[in-house]
Amino acid sequence: MQAFRDLVRGWLGKALLILLLVPFALVGIESYFVGGKAAPAATVNGDEISQFELDKSVDQQKQRILAGMGENPDASLIDTTVLRDEVLKGLVDRALLSTQAKKVGFLIDDETINRLIHETPAFQENGVFSQARYEQMLRNIGEDPLNFPQKAKKEVAVSQLAGGINQTAFVTSKQLDQLSALDNQKRDVHIAVFPAANYLATVQVTDAEVEQHYKANTTKYTTEEKVAVDYLVLGSELFLDKVLLTDADVEARYAEKIKTLESNEQRRAAHILIKITDKVKDADALAKIQEIEKKVKAGEDFGVLAKQYSQDEGSAVANGDLGFVGKGAFVPEFEKTMYSLKENEVSAPVKTQFGYHIIKLLAIQKAPVPTMAEIRPELEADVKVAKAEELYAEAIEKMDALAYESADLSEGAKQYGMSVQTSPLFSKNGGEGLAANRKIVQAAFSDDILKDGKNSQALALDNKHSVWIHLNKHEPARVKPLTEVAAEIKTNLQLDKAALIAKQKAEEMTKALNAGKSAAELAAANQLQWQDFLSSARNAPVPTANLLKVAFRLAVPKANTWTAALAPSGKDYAVVAVSKVDAGTSTLTDDQKKQFAAMLANARGQQDLQDYVTYLRSHAKIEKPDVKSTDK
C-alpha cells in the first residue's frame, strides 16, 4: 500500500535520520503519578493521550528541529513551552482523525501490515527482513516493536483519511490567471507617521498613577525563583577502554549473529484465498476452495488460478505471489503451513480468520553466513559496546549509593575521575544546556534538592548518559520595590498616553482621507510629510511588509481621491494610503500553470484538512488536565 510506504518514508524515515543524535529516554516518570494514577496530558472523547506519549513526541520533534540547525545546534533557542503546546495540539488532532478514520471505515488488516513491515528496507539487512534490526530501529526512535504494527495501522488509516481530503482539492486555470494578475498588481502607496514621542510633552503622569499601576501589576515586577546546580555527567563511552575483550566473547557474539541470520530465513509463497463473509458461509467457502484444489492437482497453473479465483485483491494481480517474507508476517495458521512446505509444494486448504487458503511455496531464501574473520571488527565493537553498557549500569548503581550517602557530589567525581560542573541560574521554565531538560528542572526544584540539600539519584539524559545534581545557589522570587521600577513605569505610562493621542490623530486623518479630503492639506495641518512609494509591488523592499499588506488590502480609490487605513507601528501610528492601482496581468506560461496548480491545490487541500480538523474539534470533548481547561 502506498499509504504505508509514504508513512515509513516520512514518519519513520525522518526519525531514523536523527536517531543518532539524542535517542529518547524516559526519565522521572514517577513525577507524573498522583496517588498511584498517571494524569493524562489530554483526553479526547474519552481516549487519553498520556504524558509519556507527549514527552516522547516533544523529544522527537525537538531532535528534528536540532537536526535542521546544522552543526552545533543550540537547544536553548527552542521554546520548550511553545513546542510542547504545539505537539500536544498535533496529538489531539491526530487522535480526532484516528477516531474518525475508524468511524468511516478506513481499515487495514493485520496480514497486510505485517507483510508491509517485512518489505520495508529500513528493517532489512542485505535485502532480508531482520527481526533484530526491526527492534533496534524502533527502540532507537522510542517506539515499542510489539505495539508498532497496531500504531502503523492507525497511522495508515489516518493517512488514508487525510489523503482523501487534501488530495482532492484543485485550482482552475481562470483562478490561476486571476491570482497571477493580482500578484503583478502595482500601487502608489503613501505613508504618514504620527510618532508618539511628538506628544510626550503634552502628557503628564502623576506619582499616584505610577503607584496604582505598580500595585495592579506586581506580577510583572516579580522576579522568577531561580537555582543553579552542581552536576556530574556519566556516559557509557567512559567504559569502552575499560572493557577486557576475550576470544570467547567474540565467539559468543558470532554465535548470536549466526543464530539471528538463520532465524531470518525468508520464504516466498503464493496463495489463493476464498473469503468467509456475511454473505458467504464457511461451508460454501470450503467447497469453493476444494474445487480449486482439484484444478491444482489436475495440473492447472497455480498462478493463473490465483489471478482468476483469489479474493485477495492485493496478490491476485501478481498470480497470488506474496513476495519474500520472514516469520511473523502472517497469521499463525498460514505461517505454520507455509513453513511446513517444500519448494513448489502446494498445501491442502488452510482456514484462517480471513477465509480458506491454498498455499504454494515458491522459493526459500537464506541469508548469507559470513565467516567470523570477515566480521570480526564488527563483532568486537558489538561486544565492547555491550560490556561497556554493563559497566555503565553497574556504575549508575554505585553513583546512586554515593550520592545517597554523601553531602555533595565530590565523592562521586573522585570515583570516576570526573569534574563537578555548575549550571547557570535557571527558573522553573528551564534554561540553557542542562536546564533545557524538563525532568532535571523538576528535580532541581523538588523538596529533596531545594529544601533538604540532598543529591539527586541518576537522571537519564538519554540511554547512554546520566546526570546527578546538587543545589549550588537558590534565588527566591521577589517583588522589585517601587523605587527600583518607578522610572521605568513612568516612562511607559507616558508613552502609552502619548500613543493614544497619536492614534486619535491618525484615525481623524484616515477618516478625512476616505471622505475625499486633500492629502496635501491634511499633511500640512498635522505638520507631517507623506512618504511616497510609487508603483509598489507586493514584495517591494520598502516600506515594511506589514505596511504593504495594509496597502494592498485597501479598496481601489476613485479618481482624484485616496483610500486609507490605520496601522500601528510600535507606539507610533501610521496612516497608509493608496492613490492609484495598476491592475496586473497574468504572466504564467502553461508549464508554470501546471506547477502552480499543483502547489496551490496542495495548499488548498491542506486548508481543507485543517478546516475538517477544526470541525472535528468543535464536536469533540477535549480535556487538558495539565492546563486545567476544556475545549468543546
Foldseek 3Di string as FASTA:
>chain_A
DVLLVVCCCPVLVLLLVQLVPFFDDDWDPVVQDDPRDGDFQKAWQNRGHRPVNLVLQLVSVLSSVQVVVPPPRFSQVDQSVVSSVVSVVVVNLLVLLLVVLVVVPQFDDLLVLLLVLQQDPQQDDPRFGFPVSLCVSQVSSPHHSVCVSVVSGSSSSSSVVLCVQLVPFFDDPVRQFQVQLLQLKFFKKKKWWQALVVCLVVDDDDPVNLVVVCVVPLVVQKDFKKFKWKKDKDFLVLCLVVDDDDPVLLVVLLVVVVVRLQQRKKWKKFKAFDFDDPVRHQVNLLVVLVVVVVVVVVPDDQLVSRLVHGPPVVQSVVSRISDIGGPPSRDPQVVVVQVVDDAQDWDDWTQDNGGTMIMHTHDIDGDDRDDSVVCVVVSRVVSSSVVSLVVVVVLLVVQQVCQQVDLACVVVCVVSVHDIDMGDMDGLSFGTDPRSDNSVSVVCPDCVAPPVQGKDRWTDSHSGMTMIIHTDDIDHMDRDDCVVCSVVSRVVVSLLVSLVVQVVLLVVLQVCQQVFDDPVVSCVVVVIDMDIDGRDRQPDPPDDNVLSVQASVWDADDQNGKHWDWDDDPSMIMIMITHHMDRGGRDDDPVRCVVVRVVVSSVVSVVSSVVVSVVSQQVMWMGRVVVGDIGD
